[in-house]
Amino acid sequence: MLGDQAAQKRTNPGSFAAGATAMYNMYIVKRTQIYLEAGQWQELAARAKRQGTTSSHLIREAVDEYIAQPGSADARRLAQFRAALDETFGAVPRLPSGEDYVAELRRGEADRWRRVTERRDG
């Protein structure tokens, strides 16, 4: 989903396990400030420590997951796309396997080059 894709696009910024160069990544971020209750902050800090990452990284992951929930524009578009795929599944008659298709293309290309060579040499 969107959250997974966004997380894959980013490395784990600030992770000491990722090495010193991970401290500053080449993607653009916007700075924001949030207020957490003491218990939230403690749990977030403990989880970040266990995972070897930063609290900021965990917050970005949580925001990615929240944005990807049904109701977001991206989630609605994805649902529409999947519905369209489901609706058209099986509409095309049986196609050859990818291997057979490529073999047929290669045969045609070989025939074409043979004819070109015969005309040139002929």
PDB file of N, CA and C in Angstrom:
ATOM      1  N   MET A   1       0.834  -1.184   0.000  1.00  0.00           N
ATOM      2  CA  MET A   1       0.000   0.000   0.000  1.00  0.00           C
ATOM      3  C   MET A   1       0.880   1.249   0.000  1.00  0.00           C
ATOM      4  N   LEU A   2       0.260   2.371   0.039  1.00  0.00           N
ATOM      5  CA  LEU A   2       0.976   3.630  -0.029  1.00  0.00           C
ATOM      6  C   LEU A   2       2.008   3.738   1.082  1.00  0.00           C
ATOM      7  N   GLY A   3       1.629   3.366   2.297  1.00  0.00           N
ATOM      8  CA  GLY A   3       2.553   3.447   3.422  1.00  0.00           C
ATOM      9  C   GLY A   3       3.788   2.600   3.198  1.00  0.00           C
ATOM     10  N   ASP A   4       3.594   1.398   2.670  1.00  0.00           N
ATOM     11  CA  ASP A   4       4.720   0.516   2.399  1.00  0.00           C
ATOM     12  C   ASP A   4       5.620   1.106   1.324  1.00  0.00           C
ATOM     13  N   GLN A   5       5.026   1.674   0.275  1.00  0.00           N
ATOM     14  CA  GLN A   5       5.817   2.256  -0.805  1.00  0.00           C
ATOM     15  C   GLN A   5       6.618   3.441  -0.298  1.00  0.00           C
ATOM     16  N   ALA A   6       5.987   4.275   0.467  1.00  0.00           N
ATOM     17  CA  ALA A   6       6.685   5.452   0.980  1.00  0.00           C
ATOM     18  C   ALA A   6       7.817   5.023   1.902  1.00  0.00           C
ATOM     19  N   ALA A   7       7.559   4.011   2.722  1.00  0.00           N
ATOM     20  CA  ALA A   7       8.595   3.531   3.636  1.00  0.00           C
ATOM     21  C   ALA A   7       9.748   2.921   2.853  1.00  0.00           C
ATOM     22  N   GLN A   8       9.452   2.241   1.740  1.00  0.00           N
ATOM     23  CA  GLN A   8      10.508   1.648   0.935  1.00  0.00           C
ATOM     24  C   GLN A   8      11.337   2.709   0.221  1.00  0.00           C
ATOM     25  N   LYS A   9      10.726   3.815  -0.144  1.00  0.00           N
ATOM     26  CA  LYS A   9      11.446   4.874  -0.840  1.00  0.00           C
ATOM     27  C   LYS A   9      12.454   5.541   0.083  1.00  0.00           C
ATOM     28  N   ARG A  10      12.151   5.563   1.377  1.00  0.00           N
ATOM     29  CA  ARG A  10      13.057   6.180   2.344  1.00  0.00           C
ATOM     30  C   ARG A  10      13.932   5.104   2.957  1.00  0.00           C
ATOM     31  N   THR A  11      15.148   5.460   3.218  1.00  0.00           N
ATOM     32  CA  THR A  11      15.936   4.588   4.076  1.00  0.00           C
ATOM     33  C   THR A  11      15.532   4.935   5.491  1.00  0.00           C
ATOM     34  N   ASN A  12      16.127   4.339   6.435  1.00  0.00           N
ATOM     35  CA  ASN A  12      15.770   4.574   7.818  1.00  0.00           C
ATOM     36  C   ASN A  12      16.581   5.759   8.332  1.00  0.00           C
ATOM     37  N   PRO A  13      16.070   6.993   8.167  1.00  0.00           N
ATOM     38  CA  PRO A  13      16.866   8.158   8.521  1.00  0.00           C
ATOM     39  C   PRO A  13      17.203   8.191  10.001  1.00  0.00           C
ATOM     40  N   GLY A  14      18.426   8.522  10.276  1.00  0.00           N
ATOM     41  CA  GLY A  14      18.843   8.668  11.655  1.00  0.00           C
ATOM     42  C   GLY A  14      19.167   7.356  12.333  1.00  0.00           C
ATOM     43  N   SER A  15      19.013   6.247  11.645  1.00  0.00           N
ATOM     44  CA  SER A  15      19.302   4.955  12.250  1.00  0.00           C
ATOM     45  C   SER A  15      20.803   4.777  12.369  1.00  0.00           C
ATOM     46  N   PHE A  16      21.249   4.505  13.567  1.00  0.00           N
ATOM     47  CA  PHE A  16      22.676   4.310  13.746  1.00  0.00           C
ATOM     48  C   PHE A  16      23.110   2.994  13.125  1.00  0.00           C
ATOM     49  N   ALA A  17      22.187   2.046  13.013  1.00  0.00           N
ATOM     50  CA  ALA A  17      22.515   0.768  12.382  1.00  0.00           C
ATOM     51  C   ALA A  17      22.768   0.956  10.891  1.00  0.00           C
ATOM     52  N   ALA A  18      22.161   1.985  10.293  1.00  0.00           N
ATOM     53  CA  ALA A  18      22.319   2.220   8.861  1.00  0.00           C
ATOM     54  C   ALA A  18      23.630   2.933   8.548  1.00  0.00           C
ATOM     55  N   GLY A  19      24.348   3.389   9.531  1.00  0.00           N
ATOM     56  CA  GLY A  19      25.623   4.057   9.314  1.00  0.00           C
ATOM     57  C   GLY A  19      25.485   5.565   9.415  1.00  0.00           C
ATOM     58  N   ALA A  20      26.602   6.207   9.531  1.00  0.00           N
ATOM     59  CA  ALA A  20      26.607   7.652   9.750  1.00  0.00           C
ATOM     60  C   ALA A  20      26.017   8.421   8.585  1.00  0.00           C
ATOM     61  N   THR A  21      26.128   7.901   7.355  1.00  0.00           N
ATOM     62  CA  THR A  21      25.623   8.636   6.202  1.00  0.00           C
ATOM     63  C   THR A  21      24.102   8.671   6.168  1.00  0.00           C
ATOM     64  N   ALA A  22      23.436   7.842   6.943  1.00  0.00           N
ATOM     65  CA  ALA A  22      21.969   7.824   6.954  1.00  0.00           C
ATOM     66  C   ALA A  22      21.400   9.000   7.730  1.00  0.00           C
ATOM     67  N   MET A  23      22.249   9.734   8.421  1.00  0.00           N
ATOM     68  CA  MET A  23      21.771  10.835   9.240  1.00  0.00           C
ATOM     69  C   MET A  23      21.079  11.902   8.391  1.00  0.00           C
ATOM     70  N   TYR A  24      21.595  12.165   7.192  1.00  0.00           N
ATOM     71  CA  TYR A  24      21.008  13.164   6.313  1.00  0.00           C
ATOM     72  C   TYR A  24      20.738  12.524   4.966  1.00  0.00           C
ATOM     73  N   ASN A  25      19.486  12.280   4.682  1.00  0.00           N
ATOM     74  CA  ASN A  25      19.111  11.678   3.410  1.00  0.00           C
ATOM     75  C   ASN A  25      18.852  12.754   2.378  1.00  0.00           C
ATOM     76  N   MET A  26      18.751  12.343   1.141  1.00  0.00           N
ATOM     77  CA  MET A  26      18.606  13.280   0.049  1.00  0.00           C
ATOM     78  C   MET A  26      17.140  13.564  -0.288  1.00  0.00           C
ATOM     79  N   TYR A  27      16.221  13.297   0.579  1.00  0.00           N
ATOM     80  CA  TYR A  27      14.837  13.631   0.300  1.00  0.00           C
ATOM     81  C   TYR A  27      14.436  14.849   1.127  1.00  0.00           C
ATOM     82  N   ILE A  28      13.454  15.559   0.633  1.00  0.00           N
ATOM     83  CA  ILE A  28      13.031  16.802   1.258  1.00  0.00           C
ATOM     84  C   ILE A  28      11.957  16.494   2.296  1.00  0.00           C
ATOM     85  N   VAL A  29      12.096  17.080   3.463  1.00  0.00           N
ATOM     86  CA  VAL A  29      11.108  16.914   4.524  1.00  0.00           C
ATOM     87  C   VAL A  29      10.664  18.281   5.007  1.00  0.00           C
ATOM     88  N   LYS A  30       9.493  18.328   5.571  1.00  0.00           N
ATOM     89  CA  LYS A  30       8.977  19.541   6.209  1.00  0.00           C
ATOM     90  C   LYS A  30       9.050  19.335   7.706  1.00  0.00           C
ATOM     91  N   ARG A  31       9.544  20.311   8.390  1.00  0.00           N
ATOM     92  CA  ARG A  31       9.645  20.226   9.852  1.00  0.00           C
ATOM     93  C   ARG A  31       8.298  20.606  10.456  1.00  0.00           C
ATOM     94  N   THR A  32       7.889  19.846  11.457  1.00  0.00           N
ATOM     95  CA  THR A  32       6.668  20.149  12.182  1.00  0.00           C
ATOM     96  C   THR A  32       6.896  19.861  13.652  1.00  0.00           C
ATOM     97  N   GLN A  33       6.009  20.336  14.465  1.00  0.00           N
ATOM     98  CA  GLN A  33       6.126  20.112  15.905  1.00  0.00           C
ATOM     99  C   GLN A  33       4.805  19.542  16.385  1.00  0.00           C
ATOM    100  N   ILE A  34       4.884  18.487  17.189  1.00  0.00           N
ATOM    101  CA  ILE A  34       3.677  17.901  17.763  1.00  0.00           C
ATOM    102  C   ILE A  34       3.845  17.818  19.277  1.00  0.00           C
ATOM    103  N   TYR A  35       2.731  17.766  19.964  1.00  0.00           N
ATOM    104  CA  TYR A  35       2.739  17.625  21.416  1.00  0.00           C
ATOM    105  C   TYR A  35       2.229  16.226  21.750  1.00  0.00           C
ATOM    106  N   LEU A  36       3.024  15.487  22.494  1.00  0.00           N
ATOM    107  CA  LEU A  36       2.654  14.146  22.922  1.00  0.00           C
ATOM    108  C   LEU A  36       2.478  14.132  24.430  1.00  0.00           C
ATOM    109  N   GLU A  37       1.590  13.289  24.874  1.00  0.00           N
ATOM    110  CA  GLU A  37       1.465  13.068  26.312  1.00  0.00           C
ATOM    111  C   GLU A  37       2.708  12.314  26.767  1.00  0.00           C
ATOM    112  N   ALA A  38       3.017  12.384  28.025  1.00  0.00           N
ATOM    113  CA  ALA A  38       4.243  11.767  28.550  1.00  0.00           C
ATOM    114  C   ALA A  38       4.303  10.277  28.221  1.00  0.00           C
ATOM    115  N   GLY A  39       3.197   9.572  28.383  1.00  0.00           N
ATOM    116  CA  GLY A  39       3.167   8.141  28.095  1.00  0.00           C
ATOM    117  C   GLY A  39       3.385   7.849  26.616  1.00  0.00           C
ATOM    118  N   GLN A  40       2.815   8.679  25.772  1.00  0.00           N
ATOM    119  CA  GLN A  40       3.014   8.506  24.327  1.00  0.00           C
ATOM    120  C   GLN A  40       4.486   8.691  23.964  1.00  0.00           C
ATOM    121  N   TRP A  41       5.081   9.745  24.529  1.00  0.00           N
ATOM    122  CA  TRP A  41       6.477  10.029  24.232  1.00  0.00           C
ATOM    123  C   TRP A  41       7.379   8.897  24.704  1.00  0.00           C
ATOM    124  N   GLN A  42       7.111   8.377  25.932  1.00  0.00           N
ATOM    125  CA  GLN A  42       7.938   7.297  26.475  1.00  0.00           C
ATOM    126  C   GLN A  42       7.830   6.032  25.622  1.00  0.00           C
ATOM    127  N   GLU A  43       6.602   5.676  25.243  1.00  0.00           N
ATOM    128  CA  GLU A  43       6.411   4.473  24.418  1.00  0.00           C
ATOM    129  C   GLU A  43       7.064   4.648  23.056  1.00  0.00           C
ATOM    130  N   LEU A  44       6.909   5.812  22.453  1.00  0.00           N
ATOM    131  CA  LEU A  44       7.511   6.083  21.144  1.00  0.00           C
ATOM    132  C   LEU A  44       9.036   5.994  21.230  1.00  0.00           C
ATOM    133  N   ALA A  45       9.619   6.601  22.246  1.00  0.00           N
ATOM    134  CA  ALA A  45      11.071   6.561  22.415  1.00  0.00           C
ATOM    135  C   ALA A  45      11.559   5.133  22.641  1.00  0.00           C
ATOM    136  N   ALA A  46      10.819   4.369  23.438  1.00  0.00           N
ATOM    137  CA  ALA A  46      11.214   2.982  23.711  1.00  0.00           C
ATOM    138  C   ALA A  46      11.121   2.134  22.440  1.00  0.00           C
ATOM    139  N   ARG A  47      10.063   2.325  21.676  1.00  0.00           N
ATOM    140  CA  ARG A  47       9.897   1.560  20.432  1.00  0.00           C
ATOM    141  C   ARG A  47      10.991   1.927  19.435  1.00  0.00           C
ATOM    142  N   ALA A  48      11.307   3.201  19.321  1.00  0.00           N
ATOM    143  CA  ALA A  48      12.367   3.635  18.405  1.00  0.00           C
ATOM    144  C   ALA A  48      13.700   3.008  18.810  1.00  0.00           C
ATOM    145  N   LYS A  49      13.978   2.974  20.094  1.00  0.00           N
ATOM    146  CA  LYS A  49      15.227   2.380  20.572  1.00  0.00           C
ATOM    147  C   LYS A  49      15.281   0.894  20.249  1.00  0.00           C
ATOM    148  N   ARG A  50      14.164   0.179  20.505  1.00  0.00           N
ATOM    149  CA  ARG A  50      14.118  -1.260  20.211  1.00  0.00           C
ATOM    150  C   ARG A  50      14.335  -1.528  18.724  1.00  0.00           C
ATOM    151  N   GLN A  51      13.803  -0.671  17.874  1.00  0.00           N
ATOM    152  CA  GLN A  51      13.889  -0.881  16.425  1.00  0.00           C
ATOM    153  C   GLN A  51      15.143  -0.261  15.813  1.00  0.00           C
ATOM    154  N   GLY A  52      15.912   0.442  16.620  1.00  0.00           N
ATOM    155  CA  GLY A  52      17.139   1.047  16.114  1.00  0.00           C
ATOM    156  C   GLY A  52      16.874   2.175  15.136  1.00  0.00           C
ATOM    157  N   THR A  53      15.852   2.949  15.387  1.00  0.00           N
ATOM    158  CA  THR A  53      15.492   4.050  14.500  1.00  0.00           C
ATOM    159  C   THR A  53      15.188   5.288  15.330  1.00  0.00           C
ATOM    160  N   THR A  54      14.590   6.283  14.716  1.00  0.00           N
ATOM    161  CA  THR A  54      14.256   7.509  15.433  1.00  0.00           C
ATOM    162  C   THR A  54      12.753   7.606  15.638  1.00  0.00           C
ATOM    163  N   SER A  55      12.374   8.415  16.611  1.00  0.00           N
ATOM    164  CA  SER A  55      10.954   8.675  16.829  1.00  0.00           C
ATOM    165  C   SER A  55      10.339   9.330  15.597  1.00  0.00           C
ATOM    166  N   SER A  56      11.091  10.221  14.971  1.00  0.00           N
ATOM    167  CA  SER A  56      10.593  10.895  13.766  1.00  0.00           C
ATOM    168  C   SER A  56      10.262   9.895  12.664  1.00  0.00           C
ATOM    169  N   HIS A  57      11.124   8.906  12.506  1.00  0.00           N
ATOM    170  CA  HIS A  57      10.882   7.885  11.475  1.00  0.00           C
ATOM    171  C   HIS A  57       9.590   7.113  11.772  1.00  0.00           C
ATOM    172  N   LEU A  58       9.395   6.745  13.036  1.00  0.00           N
ATOM    173  CA  LEU A  58       8.173   6.023  13.409  1.00  0.00           C
ATOM    174  C   LEU A  58       6.935   6.884  13.185  1.00  0.00           C
ATOM    175  N   ILE A  59       7.038   8.170  13.465  1.00  0.00           N
ATOM    176  CA  ILE A  59       5.903   9.079  13.254  1.00  0.00           C
ATOM    177  C   ILE A  59       5.592   9.177  11.765  1.00  0.00           C
ATOM    178  N   ARG A  60       6.636   9.289  10.907  1.00  0.00           N
ATOM    179  CA  ARG A  60       6.400   9.347   9.459  1.00  0.00           C
ATOM    180  C   ARG A  60       5.733   8.067   8.960  1.00  0.00           C
ATOM    181  N   GLU A  61       6.164   6.914   9.482  1.00  0.00           N
ATOM    182  CA  GLU A  61       5.521   5.651   9.097  1.00  0.00           C
ATOM    183  C   GLU A  61       4.047   5.641   9.496  1.00  0.00           C
ATOM    184  N   ALA A  62       3.757   6.128  10.701  1.00  0.00           N
ATOM    185  CA  ALA A  62       2.367   6.162  11.168  1.00  0.00           C
ATOM    186  C   ALA A  62       1.528   7.099  10.303  1.00  0.00           C
ATOM    187  N   VAL A  63       2.088   8.221   9.904  1.00  0.00           N
ATOM    188  CA  VAL A  63       1.365   9.153   9.029  1.00  0.00           C
ATOM    189  C   VAL A  63       1.124   8.514   7.674  1.00  0.00           C
ATOM    190  N   ASP A  64       2.128   7.813   7.122  1.00  0.00           N
ATOM    191  CA  ASP A  64       1.955   7.113   5.845  1.00  0.00           C
ATOM    192  C   ASP A  64       0.794   6.118   5.920  1.00  0.00           C
ATOM    193  N   GLU A  65       0.746   5.345   7.008  1.00  0.00           N
ATOM    194  CA  GLU A  65      -0.333   4.364   7.172  1.00  0.00           C
ATOM    195  C   GLU A  65      -1.689   5.049   7.303  1.00  0.00           C
ATOM    196  N   TYR A  66      -1.730   6.150   8.020  1.00  0.00           N
ATOM    197  CA  TYR A  66      -2.982   6.893   8.196  1.00  0.00           C
ATOM    198  C   TYR A  66      -3.473   7.438   6.862  1.00  0.00           C
ATOM    199  N   ILE A  67      -2.573   8.003   6.088  1.00  0.00           N
ATOM    200  CA  ILE A  67      -2.948   8.564   4.787  1.00  0.00           C
ATOM    201  C   ILE A  67      -3.451   7.481   3.851  1.00  0.00           C
ATOM    202  N   ALA A  68      -2.908   6.280   3.952  1.00  0.00           N
ATOM    203  CA  ALA A  68      -3.283   5.187   3.050  1.00  0.00           C
ATOM    204  C   ALA A  68      -4.619   4.536   3.417  1.00  0.00           C
ATOM    205  N   GLN A  69      -5.204   4.919   4.526  1.00  0.00           N
ATOM    206  CA  GLN A  69      -6.476   4.322   4.943  1.00  0.00           C
ATOM    207  C   GLN A  69      -7.574   4.663   3.944  1.00  0.00           C
ATOM    208  N   PRO A  70      -8.580   3.782   3.855  1.00  0.00           N
ATOM    209  CA  PRO A  70      -9.711   4.099   2.992  1.00  0.00           C
ATOM    210  C   PRO A  70     -10.262   5.473   3.359  1.00  0.00           C
ATOM    211  N   GLY A  71     -10.633   6.197   2.351  1.00  0.00           N
ATOM    212  CA  GLY A  71     -11.099   7.549   2.570  1.00  0.00           C
ATOM    213  C   GLY A  71     -10.112   8.566   2.039  1.00  0.00           C
ATOM    214  N   SER A  72      -8.836   8.177   1.942  1.00  0.00           N
ATOM    215  CA  SER A  72      -7.876   9.092   1.344  1.00  0.00           C
ATOM    216  C   SER A  72      -8.041   9.025  -0.170  1.00  0.00           C
ATOM    217  N   ALA A  73      -7.657  10.071  -0.858  1.00  0.00           N
ATOM    218  CA  ALA A  73      -7.800  10.130  -2.318  1.00  0.00           C
ATOM    219  C   ALA A  73      -7.019   9.001  -2.984  1.00  0.00           C
ATOM    220  N   ASP A  74      -5.808   8.721  -2.510  1.00  0.00           N
ATOM    221  CA  ASP A  74      -5.005   7.647  -3.101  1.00  0.00           C
ATOM    222  C   ASP A  74      -5.666   6.289  -2.906  1.00  0.00           C
ATOM    223  N   ALA A  75      -6.195   6.050  -1.718  1.00  0.00           N
ATOM    224  CA  ALA A  75      -6.846   4.765  -1.448  1.00  0.00           C
ATOM    225  C   ALA A  75      -8.089   4.600  -2.317  1.00  0.00           C
ATOM    226  N   ARG A  76      -8.841   5.680  -2.508  1.00  0.00           N
ATOM    227  CA  ARG A  76     -10.035   5.603  -3.371  1.00  0.00           C
ATOM    228  C   ARG A  76      -9.646   5.307  -4.811  1.00  0.00           C
ATOM    229  N   ARG A  77      -8.609   5.972  -5.314  1.00  0.00           N
ATOM    230  CA  ARG A  77      -8.156   5.717  -6.692  1.00  0.00           C
ATOM    231  C   ARG A  77      -7.673   4.283  -6.839  1.00  0.00           C
ATOM    232  N   LEU A  78      -6.953   3.790  -5.856  1.00  0.00           N
ATOM    233  CA  LEU A  78      -6.472   2.410  -5.906  1.00  0.00           C
ATOM    234  C   LEU A  78      -7.644   1.441  -5.899  1.00  0.00           C
ATOM    235  N   ALA A  79      -8.647   1.684  -5.083  1.00  0.00           N
ATOM    236  CA  ALA A  79      -9.832   0.823  -5.046  1.00  0.00           C
ATOM    237  C   ALA A  79     -10.560   0.849  -6.384  1.00  0.00           C
ATOM    238  N   GLN A  80     -10.675   2.020  -7.011  1.00  0.00           N
ATOM    239  CA  GLN A  80     -11.317   2.112  -8.325  1.00  0.00           C
ATOM    240  C   GLN A  80     -10.519   1.343  -9.367  1.00  0.00           C
ATOM    241  N   PHE A  81      -9.205   1.459  -9.331  1.00  0.00           N
ATOM    242  CA  PHE A  81      -8.354   0.748 -10.277  1.00  0.00           C
ATOM    243  C   PHE A  81      -8.507  -0.762 -10.113  1.00  0.00           C
ATOM    244  N   ARG A  82      -8.479  -1.225  -8.862  1.00  0.00           N
ATOM    245  CA  ARG A  82      -8.633  -2.665  -8.620  1.00  0.00           C
ATOM    246  C   ARG A  82     -10.005  -3.166  -9.055  1.00  0.00           C
ATOM    247  N   ALA A  83     -11.046  -2.363  -8.835  1.00  0.00           N
ATOM    248  CA  ALA A  83     -12.392  -2.745  -9.262  1.00  0.00           C
ATOM    249  C   ALA A  83     -12.447  -2.859 -10.783  1.00  0.00           C
ATOM    250  N   ALA A  84     -11.805  -1.938 -11.485  1.00  0.00           N
ATOM    251  CA  ALA A  84     -11.779  -1.995 -12.948  1.00  0.00           C
ATOM    252  C   ALA A  84     -11.041  -3.236 -13.425  1.00  0.00           C
ATOM    253  N   LEU A  85      -9.945  -3.573 -12.773  1.00  0.00           N
ATOM    254  CA  LEU A  85      -9.214  -4.792 -13.137  1.00  0.00           C
ATOM    255  C   LEU A  85     -10.072  -6.032 -12.916  1.00  0.00           C
ATOM    256  N   ASP A  86     -10.736  -6.087 -11.771  1.00  0.00           N
ATOM    257  CA  ASP A  86     -11.595  -7.231 -11.468  1.00  0.00           C
ATOM    258  C   ASP A  86     -12.721  -7.358 -12.494  1.00  0.00           C
ATOM    259  N   GLU A  87     -13.270  -6.219 -12.895  1.00  0.00           N
ATOM    260  CA  GLU A  87     -14.388  -6.208 -13.837  1.00  0.00           C
ATOM    261  C   GLU A  87     -13.977  -6.707 -15.216  1.00  0.00           C
ATOM    262  N   THR A  88     -12.744  -6.424 -15.617  1.00  0.00           N
ATOM    263  CA  THR A  88     -12.298  -6.799 -16.964  1.00  0.00           C
ATOM    264  C   THR A  88     -11.505  -8.099 -16.989  1.00  0.00           C
ATOM    265  N   PHE A  89     -11.282  -8.708 -15.837  1.00  0.00           N
ATOM    266  CA  PHE A  89     -10.517  -9.951 -15.799  1.00  0.00           C
ATOM    267  C   PHE A  89     -11.181 -11.008 -16.667  1.00  0.00           C
ATOM    268  N   GLY A  90     -10.406 -11.625 -17.532  1.00  0.00           N
ATOM    269  CA  GLY A  90     -10.931 -12.678 -18.390  1.00  0.00           C
ATOM    270  C   GLY A  90     -11.581 -12.167 -19.662  1.00  0.00           C
ATOM    271  N   ALA A  91     -11.612 -10.859 -19.874  1.00  0.00           N
ATOM    272  CA  ALA A  91     -12.261 -10.302 -21.064  1.00  0.00           C
ATOM    273  C   ALA A  91     -11.460 -10.583 -22.328  1.00  0.00           C
ATOM    274  N   VAL A  92     -10.164 -10.754 -22.219  1.00  0.00           N
ATOM    275  CA  VAL A  92      -9.316 -11.023 -23.376  1.00  0.00           C
ATOM    276  C   VAL A  92      -9.202 -12.538 -23.539  1.00  0.00           C
ATOM    277  N   PRO A  93      -9.342 -13.020 -24.793  1.00  0.00           N
ATOM    278  CA  PRO A  93      -9.186 -14.466 -24.987  1.00  0.00           C
ATOM    279  C   PRO A  93      -7.797 -14.915 -24.538  1.00  0.00           C
ATOM    280  N   ARG A  94      -7.657 -16.184 -24.373  1.00  0.00           N
ATOM    281  CA  ARG A  94      -6.407 -16.743 -23.881  1.00  0.00           C
ATOM    282  C   ARG A  94      -5.230 -16.239 -24.711  1.00  0.00           C
ATOM    283  N   LEU A  95      -4.257 -15.710 -24.030  1.00  0.00           N
ATOM    284  CA  LEU A  95      -3.047 -15.228 -24.682  1.00  0.00           C
ATOM    285  C   LEU A  95      -1.949 -16.268 -24.518  1.00  0.00           C
ATOM    286  N   PRO A  96      -0.975 -16.276 -25.439  1.00  0.00           N
ATOM    287  CA  PRO A  96       0.122 -17.239 -25.282  1.00  0.00           C
ATOM    288  C   PRO A  96       0.955 -16.878 -24.049  1.00  0.00           C
ATOM    289  N   SER A  97       1.718 -17.836 -23.596  1.00  0.00           N
ATOM    290  CA  SER A  97       2.609 -17.560 -22.464  1.00  0.00           C
ATOM    291  C   SER A  97       3.638 -16.525 -22.899  1.00  0.00           C
ATOM    292  N   GLY A  98       4.239 -15.884 -21.948  1.00  0.00           N
ATOM    293  CA  GLY A  98       5.262 -14.893 -22.268  1.00  0.00           C
ATOM    294  C   GLY A  98       6.398 -15.492 -23.070  1.00  0.00           C
ATOM    295  N   GLU A  99       6.784 -16.717 -22.738  1.00  0.00           N
ATOM    296  CA  GLU A  99       7.878 -17.394 -23.446  1.00  0.00           C
ATOM    297  C   GLU A  99       7.493 -17.649 -24.899  1.00  0.00           C
ATOM    298  N   ASP A 100       6.261 -18.131 -25.127  1.00  0.00           N
ATOM    299  CA  ASP A 100       5.803 -18.390 -26.499  1.00  0.00           C
ATOM    300  C   ASP A 100       5.697 -17.098 -27.294  1.00  0.00           C
ATOM    301  N   TYR A 101       5.221 -16.045 -26.652  1.00  0.00           N
ATOM    302  CA  TYR A 101       5.074 -14.757 -27.316  1.00  0.00           C
ATOM    303  C   TYR A 101       6.433 -14.231 -27.782  1.00  0.00           C
ATOM    304  N   VAL A 102       7.430 -14.281 -26.898  1.00  0.00           N
ATOM    305  CA  VAL A 102       8.765 -13.799 -27.245  1.00  0.00           C
ATOM    306  C   VAL A 102       9.368 -14.662 -28.348  1.00  0.00           C
ATOM    307  N   ALA A 103       9.179 -15.973 -28.266  1.00  0.00           N
ATOM    308  CA  ALA A 103       9.707 -16.868 -29.305  1.00  0.00           C
ATOM    309  C   ALA A 103       9.101 -16.519 -30.669  1.00  0.00           C
ATOM    310  N   GLU A 104       7.805 -16.226 -30.713  1.00  0.00           N
ATOM    311  CA  GLU A 104       7.148 -15.844 -31.959  1.00  0.00           C
ATOM    312  C   GLU A 104       7.703 -14.525 -32.488  1.00  0.00           C
ATOM    313  N   LEU A 105       7.916 -13.560 -31.609  1.00  0.00           N
ATOM    314  CA  LEU A 105       8.522 -12.293 -32.028  1.00  0.00           C
ATOM    315  C   LEU A 105       9.909 -12.517 -32.627  1.00  0.00           C
ATOM    316  N   ARG A 106      10.692 -13.359 -31.989  1.00  0.00           N
ATOM    317  CA  ARG A 106      12.050 -13.629 -32.478  1.00  0.00           C
ATOM    318  C   ARG A 106      12.029 -14.336 -33.826  1.00  0.00           C
ATOM    319  N   ARG A 107      11.083 -15.271 -34.002  1.00  0.00           N
ATOM    320  CA  ARG A 107      10.965 -15.948 -35.306  1.00  0.00           C
ATOM    321  C   ARG A 107      10.640 -14.937 -36.397  1.00  0.00           C
ATOM    322  N   GLY A 108       9.696 -14.044 -36.100  1.00  0.00           N
ATOM    323  CA  GLY A 108       9.323 -13.020 -37.074  1.00  0.00           C
ATOM    324  C   GLY A 108      10.482 -12.104 -37.400  1.00  0.00           C
ATOM    325  N   GLU A 109      11.243 -11.742 -36.397  1.00  0.00           N
ATOM    326  CA  GLU A 109      12.399 -10.870 -36.616  1.00  0.00           C
ATOM    327  C   GLU A 109      13.461 -11.589 -37.446  1.00  0.00           C
ATOM    328  N   ALA A 110      13.676 -12.872 -37.161  1.00  0.00           N
ATOM    329  CA  ALA A 110      14.657 -13.655 -37.933  1.00  0.00           C
ATOM    330  C   ALA A 110      14.209 -13.758 -39.394  1.00  0.00           C
ATOM    331  N   ASP A 111      12.908 -13.982 -39.617  1.00  0.00           N
ATOM    332  CA  ASP A 111      12.385 -14.046 -40.990  1.00  0.00           C
ATOM    333  C   ASP A 111      12.578 -12.715 -41.705  1.00  0.00           C
ATOM    334  N   ARG A 112      12.310 -11.652 -41.015  1.00  0.00           N
ATOM    335  CA  ARG A 112      12.459 -10.319 -41.613  1.00  0.00           C
ATOM    336  C   ARG A 112      13.908 -10.060 -42.002  1.00  0.00           C
ATOM    337  N   TRP A 113      14.858 -10.390 -41.136  1.00  0.00           N
ATOM    338  CA  TRP A 113      16.271 -10.188 -41.452  1.00  0.00           C
ATOM    339  C   TRP A 113      16.724 -11.094 -42.596  1.00  0.00           C
ATOM    340  N   ARG A 114      16.166 -12.299 -42.655  1.00  0.00           N
ATOM    341  CA  ARG A 114      16.503 -13.211 -43.757  1.00  0.00           C
ATOM    342  C   ARG A 114      16.066 -12.602 -45.085  1.00  0.00           C
ATOM    343  N   ARG A 115      14.842 -12.037 -45.136  1.00  0.00           N
ATOM    344  CA  ARG A 115      14.341 -11.416 -46.368  1.00  0.00           C
ATOM    345  C   ARG A 115      15.167 -10.192 -46.748  1.00  0.00           C
ATOM    346  N   VAL A 116      15.540  -9.391 -45.766  1.00  0.00           N
ATOM    347  CA  VAL A 116      16.373  -8.213 -46.037  1.00  0.00           C
ATOM    348  C   VAL A 116      17.711  -8.637 -46.609  1.00  0.00           C
ATOM    349  N   THR A 117      18.311  -9.645 -46.032  1.00  0.00           N
ATOM    350  CA  THR A 117      19.613 -10.144 -46.500  1.00  0.00           C
ATOM    351  C   THR A 117      19.494 -10.714 -47.905  1.00  0.00           C
ATOM    352  N   GLU A 118      18.419 -11.457 -48.184  1.00  0.00           N
ATOM    353  CA  GLU A 118      18.227 -12.028 -49.522  1.00  0.00           C
ATOM    354  C   GLU A 118      18.084 -10.914 -50.566  1.00  0.00           C
ATOM    355  N   ARG A 119      17.339  -9.860 -50.239  1.00  0.00           N
ATOM    356  CA  ARG A 119      17.190  -8.739 -51.175  1.00  0.00           C
ATOM    357  C   ARG A 119      18.509  -8.019 -51.418  1.00  0.00           C
ATOM    358  N   ARG A 120      19.256  -7.849 -50.328  1.00  0.00           N
ATOM    359  CA  ARG A 120      20.526  -7.146 -50.433  1.00  0.00           C
ATOM    360  C   ARG A 120      21.544  -7.965 -51.239  1.00  0.00           C
ATOM    361  N   ASP A 121      21.593  -9.258 -50.980  1.00  0.00           N
ATOM    362  CA  ASP A 121      22.582 -10.125 -51.631  1.00  0.00           C
ATOM    363  C   ASP A 121      22.089 -10.658 -52.967  1.00  0.00           C
ATOM    364  N   GLY A 122      20.811 -10.585 -53.183  1.00  0.00           N
ATOM    365  CA  GLY A 122      20.151 -11.271 -54.241  1.00  0.00           C
ATOM    366  C   GLY A 122      20.170 -10.897 -55.595  1.00  0.00           C
TER     367      GLY A 122
END
